[in-house]
Amino acid sequence: MIRGDEWLEHRGAVGKAMPFCELVILDDDQAPVPTGEIGFIYMRVAGAETVDDGRSVYMGVEGPRVTPDGFRTVGDMGRLDEEGYLYIADRRTDMIITGGANVFPAEVEAALRDHPGITDAAVVGVPDADWGRRVCAVVVPAEADSPPSVAALDAYMSGAVANYKRPKRYEFRDVLPLTEVGKLNRRVLTEECTARYAAEGGKD
């Protein structure tokens, strides 16, 4: 749950855990991640019980991934801030593996949207011979006639995210492809960016 005034102070958050719920963010090995870092969202609900095989049961439904102490996940990714507000990131299938490191698009997209010259942004991975996947940012500039330069965006992002998360390629568009329900069509965008990158010979 989150109130309007809370959202203004924690932009992008979806709220805090209800009194009868506990939230933790864990990595692939079910170890806690540092505050603010992205991992799997696990939840434990008061009234749930853990059966002998370690799976949690709540209202007759077993969770797909469960910790020994009864926290469950459905595979969604996110992070918690220092005050316990939850921010949804990506599903594991959206994660970009570049140079052996994991990059979650939502984190990079949020940083790009904070740039005053950008109104919207999406980040996808395109196949690359050197990196496995190259982080490609597609941005919608606030002013189409005078978009920020690639050099300016790169300099800005160098102070916003870790170096390995910085986009290695930028594209500028008037709009982003959306699904019928108005959500980003990440599949179509990935296909379009991949085709364009390949047509350019895999060069920026």
Protein backbone atom coordinates (compact mmCIF):
# COMPACT_ATOMS: atom_id res chain seq x y z
CA MET A 1 0.00 0.00 0.00
CA ILE A 2 1.13 3.57 -0.64
CA ARG A 3 -0.52 6.96 -0.19
CA GLY A 4 -0.17 9.79 -2.67
CA ASP A 5 2.08 11.83 -0.38
CA GLU A 6 4.30 8.80 0.21
CA TRP A 7 4.62 8.19 -3.53
CA LEU A 8 5.84 11.76 -4.05
CA GLU A 9 8.67 11.08 -1.62
CA HIS A 10 9.35 7.56 -2.96
CA ARG A 11 8.68 7.87 -6.69
CA GLY A 12 8.25 4.53 -8.38
CA ALA A 13 7.52 2.64 -5.18
CA VAL A 14 4.49 0.37 -4.98
CA GLY A 15 4.23 0.61 -1.21
CA LYS A 16 5.23 -1.15 1.97
CA ALA A 17 4.33 -4.60 3.23
CA MET A 18 0.97 -4.95 4.97
CA PRO A 19 1.12 -5.55 8.74
CA PHE A 20 0.56 -9.29 8.27
CA CYS A 21 3.29 -9.61 5.59
CA GLU A 22 7.08 -9.53 5.59
CA LEU A 23 9.18 -8.70 2.53
CA VAL A 24 12.83 -9.53 1.87
CA ILE A 25 15.01 -9.29 -1.24
CA LEU A 26 17.21 -12.34 -1.86
CA ASP A 27 19.72 -13.41 -4.50
CA ASP A 28 19.89 -16.64 -6.52
CA ASP A 29 21.20 -18.50 -3.46
CA GLN A 30 18.44 -17.08 -1.23
CA ALA A 31 20.93 -14.83 0.58
CA PRO A 32 19.90 -11.24 1.45
CA VAL A 33 21.09 -8.52 -0.93
CA PRO A 34 22.20 -5.07 0.29
CA THR A 35 19.50 -2.44 0.74
CA GLY A 36 18.68 -0.81 -2.58
CA GLU A 37 19.99 -3.61 -4.76
CA ILE A 38 17.75 -5.69 -7.01
CA GLY A 39 16.97 -9.32 -6.29
CA PHE A 40 14.05 -11.72 -6.02
CA ILE A 41 11.08 -10.45 -4.01
CA TYR A 42 10.19 -12.93 -1.26
CA MET A 43 7.15 -12.60 0.98
CA ARG A 44 6.07 -14.35 4.15
CA VAL A 45 2.43 -14.13 5.22
CA ALA A 46 1.23 -14.56 8.78
CA GLY A 47 -0.72 -17.81 8.94
CA ALA A 48 1.40 -19.62 6.38
CA GLU A 49 3.03 -22.86 7.41
CA THR A 50 6.02 -24.77 6.09
CA VAL A 51 5.61 -28.44 5.27
CA ASP A 52 8.30 -31.11 5.56
CA ASP A 53 9.70 -30.66 2.04
CA GLY A 54 10.35 -26.96 2.65
CA ARG A 55 7.52 -25.65 0.49
CA SER A 56 5.23 -23.06 2.01
CA VAL A 57 1.48 -23.49 2.06
CA TYR A 58 -0.94 -20.59 2.46
CA MET A 59 -4.68 -21.06 2.03
CA GLY A 60 -4.00 -24.42 0.43
CA VAL A 61 -1.63 -23.07 -2.26
CA GLU A 62 2.04 -24.03 -2.37
CA GLY A 63 4.61 -21.42 -3.38
CA PRO A 64 6.99 -22.17 -6.27
CA ARG A 65 10.18 -21.12 -4.47
CA VAL A 66 10.37 -21.15 -0.72
CA THR A 67 13.05 -20.52 1.90
CA PRO A 68 13.39 -22.80 4.93
CA ASP A 69 11.74 -20.12 7.08
CA GLY A 70 8.71 -19.75 4.82
CA PHE A 71 9.43 -16.81 2.52
CA ARG A 72 8.07 -17.38 -1.00
CA THR A 73 8.67 -15.85 -4.42
CA VAL A 74 6.92 -16.05 -7.78
CA GLY A 75 10.03 -14.81 -9.59
CA ASP A 76 9.42 -11.06 -9.60
CA MET A 77 12.45 -8.83 -9.14
CA GLY A 78 12.63 -5.67 -7.07
CA ARG A 79 14.40 -3.72 -4.37
CA LEU A 80 13.65 -2.24 -0.95
CA ASP A 81 14.79 1.20 0.13
CA GLU A 82 16.01 2.10 3.61
CA GLU A 83 12.45 2.82 4.76
CA GLY A 84 11.07 -0.48 3.51
CA TYR A 85 9.34 0.77 0.36
CA LEU A 86 9.21 -1.78 -2.45
CA TYR A 87 10.13 -0.99 -6.04
CA ILE A 88 9.26 -3.56 -8.71
CA ALA A 89 12.05 -4.13 -11.21
CA ASP A 90 11.85 -6.85 -13.84
CA ARG A 91 11.12 -10.47 -14.33
CA ARG A 92 14.19 -12.63 -14.68
CA THR A 93 13.48 -13.06 -18.40
CA ASP A 94 14.03 -9.30 -18.94
CA MET A 95 17.48 -9.34 -17.36
CA ILE A 96 20.40 -8.54 -19.66
CA ILE A 97 23.61 -10.53 -19.22
CA THR A 98 26.45 -8.42 -20.60
CA GLY A 99 30.09 -9.34 -20.17
CA GLY A 100 29.05 -11.88 -17.53
CA ALA A 101 27.26 -9.26 -15.39
CA ASN A 102 23.53 -8.97 -14.76
CA VAL A 103 21.75 -5.74 -15.72
CA PHE A 104 18.10 -5.12 -14.85
CA PRO A 105 16.50 -2.77 -17.42
CA ALA A 106 14.18 -1.06 -14.92
CA GLU A 107 17.09 0.31 -12.91
CA VAL A 108 18.76 1.83 -15.97
CA GLU A 109 15.45 3.09 -17.35
CA ALA A 110 14.66 4.88 -14.09
CA ALA A 111 18.03 6.63 -14.19
CA LEU A 112 17.48 7.72 -17.78
CA ARG A 113 14.01 9.10 -17.02
CA ASP A 114 15.53 11.31 -14.34
CA HIS A 115 17.51 13.15 -17.02
CA PRO A 116 15.80 16.51 -17.68
CA GLY A 117 16.05 16.04 -21.44
CA ILE A 118 14.33 12.65 -21.46
CA THR A 119 10.60 11.96 -21.13
CA ASP A 120 10.69 8.17 -21.50
CA ALA A 121 13.22 5.40 -21.94
CA ALA A 122 13.50 1.66 -22.43
CA VAL A 123 16.53 -0.59 -22.18
CA VAL A 124 17.03 -3.89 -23.99
CA GLY A 125 19.90 -6.23 -24.79
CA VAL A 126 21.02 -6.82 -28.37
CA PRO A 127 23.27 -9.74 -29.40
CA ASP A 128 26.93 -8.71 -29.46
CA ALA A 129 30.03 -10.73 -30.31
CA ASP A 130 32.15 -9.11 -27.59
CA TRP A 131 29.66 -8.68 -24.74
CA GLY A 132 27.13 -11.44 -25.33
CA ARG A 133 24.45 -8.78 -25.04
CA ARG A 134 25.00 -5.08 -25.54
CA VAL A 135 22.93 -2.74 -23.36
CA CYS A 136 20.90 -0.58 -25.74
CA ALA A 137 18.91 2.42 -24.50
CA VAL A 138 16.02 3.78 -26.54
CA VAL A 139 15.07 7.24 -25.35
CA VAL A 140 12.28 9.69 -26.10
CA PRO A 141 13.71 13.21 -25.84
CA ALA A 142 11.71 16.00 -24.24
CA GLU A 143 12.45 18.17 -27.27
CA ALA A 144 12.63 16.21 -30.51
CA ASP A 145 14.47 19.02 -32.31
CA SER A 146 17.23 19.26 -29.72
CA PRO A 147 17.77 15.90 -28.00
CA PRO A 148 20.68 15.47 -25.59
CA SER A 149 23.81 14.16 -27.25
CA VAL A 150 25.00 10.61 -26.78
CA ALA A 151 28.12 11.99 -25.09
CA ALA A 152 26.00 14.00 -22.65
CA LEU A 153 23.81 11.00 -21.83
CA ASP A 154 26.83 8.77 -21.34
CA ALA A 155 28.42 11.31 -19.00
CA TYR A 156 25.18 11.60 -17.06
CA MET A 157 24.75 7.85 -16.75
CA SER A 158 28.33 7.43 -15.54
CA GLY A 159 27.23 9.08 -12.32
CA ALA A 160 23.85 7.38 -12.14
CA VAL A 161 24.58 3.65 -12.46
CA ALA A 162 27.53 1.29 -12.20
CA ASN A 163 29.83 1.32 -15.22
CA TYR A 164 28.79 -2.12 -16.45
CA LYS A 165 25.14 -1.03 -16.45
CA ARG A 166 25.72 2.02 -18.65
CA PRO A 167 24.18 1.71 -22.12
CA LYS A 168 26.73 1.07 -24.83
CA ARG A 169 24.30 2.15 -27.51
CA TYR A 170 21.62 4.86 -27.69
CA GLU A 171 18.71 5.28 -30.07
CA PHE A 172 16.31 8.22 -30.18
CA ARG A 173 12.61 7.84 -30.99
CA ASP A 174 9.43 9.86 -30.83
CA VAL A 175 7.52 7.01 -29.17
CA LEU A 176 8.16 3.54 -27.76
CA PRO A 177 6.25 0.47 -29.03
CA LEU A 178 3.38 -0.46 -26.74
CA THR A 179 1.13 -3.48 -26.30
CA GLU A 180 -2.64 -3.32 -26.71
CA VAL A 181 -2.97 -2.56 -23.01
CA GLY A 182 -0.47 0.30 -23.14
CA LYS A 183 2.58 -1.40 -21.69
CA LEU A 184 6.04 -1.34 -23.23
CA ASN A 185 6.34 -4.03 -25.89
CA ARG A 186 9.83 -5.12 -24.93
CA ARG A 187 9.85 -8.05 -27.36
CA VAL A 188 9.12 -5.85 -30.38
CA LEU A 189 11.61 -3.23 -29.23
CA THR A 190 14.33 -5.85 -28.79
CA GLU A 191 13.67 -7.23 -32.27
CA GLU A 192 13.80 -3.76 -33.82
CA CYS A 193 16.99 -2.76 -32.01
CA THR A 194 18.63 -6.09 -32.85
CA ALA A 195 17.80 -5.72 -36.55
CA ARG A 196 19.10 -2.15 -36.68
CA TYR A 197 22.31 -3.01 -34.83
CA ALA A 198 22.94 -5.97 -37.13
CA ALA A 199 22.26 -3.84 -40.22
CA GLU A 200 24.93 -1.42 -39.04
CA GLY A 201 27.42 -4.26 -38.83
CA GLY A 202 27.32 -4.52 -35.06
CA LYS A 203 28.82 -1.05 -34.64
CA ASP A 204 27.59 2.07 -32.85
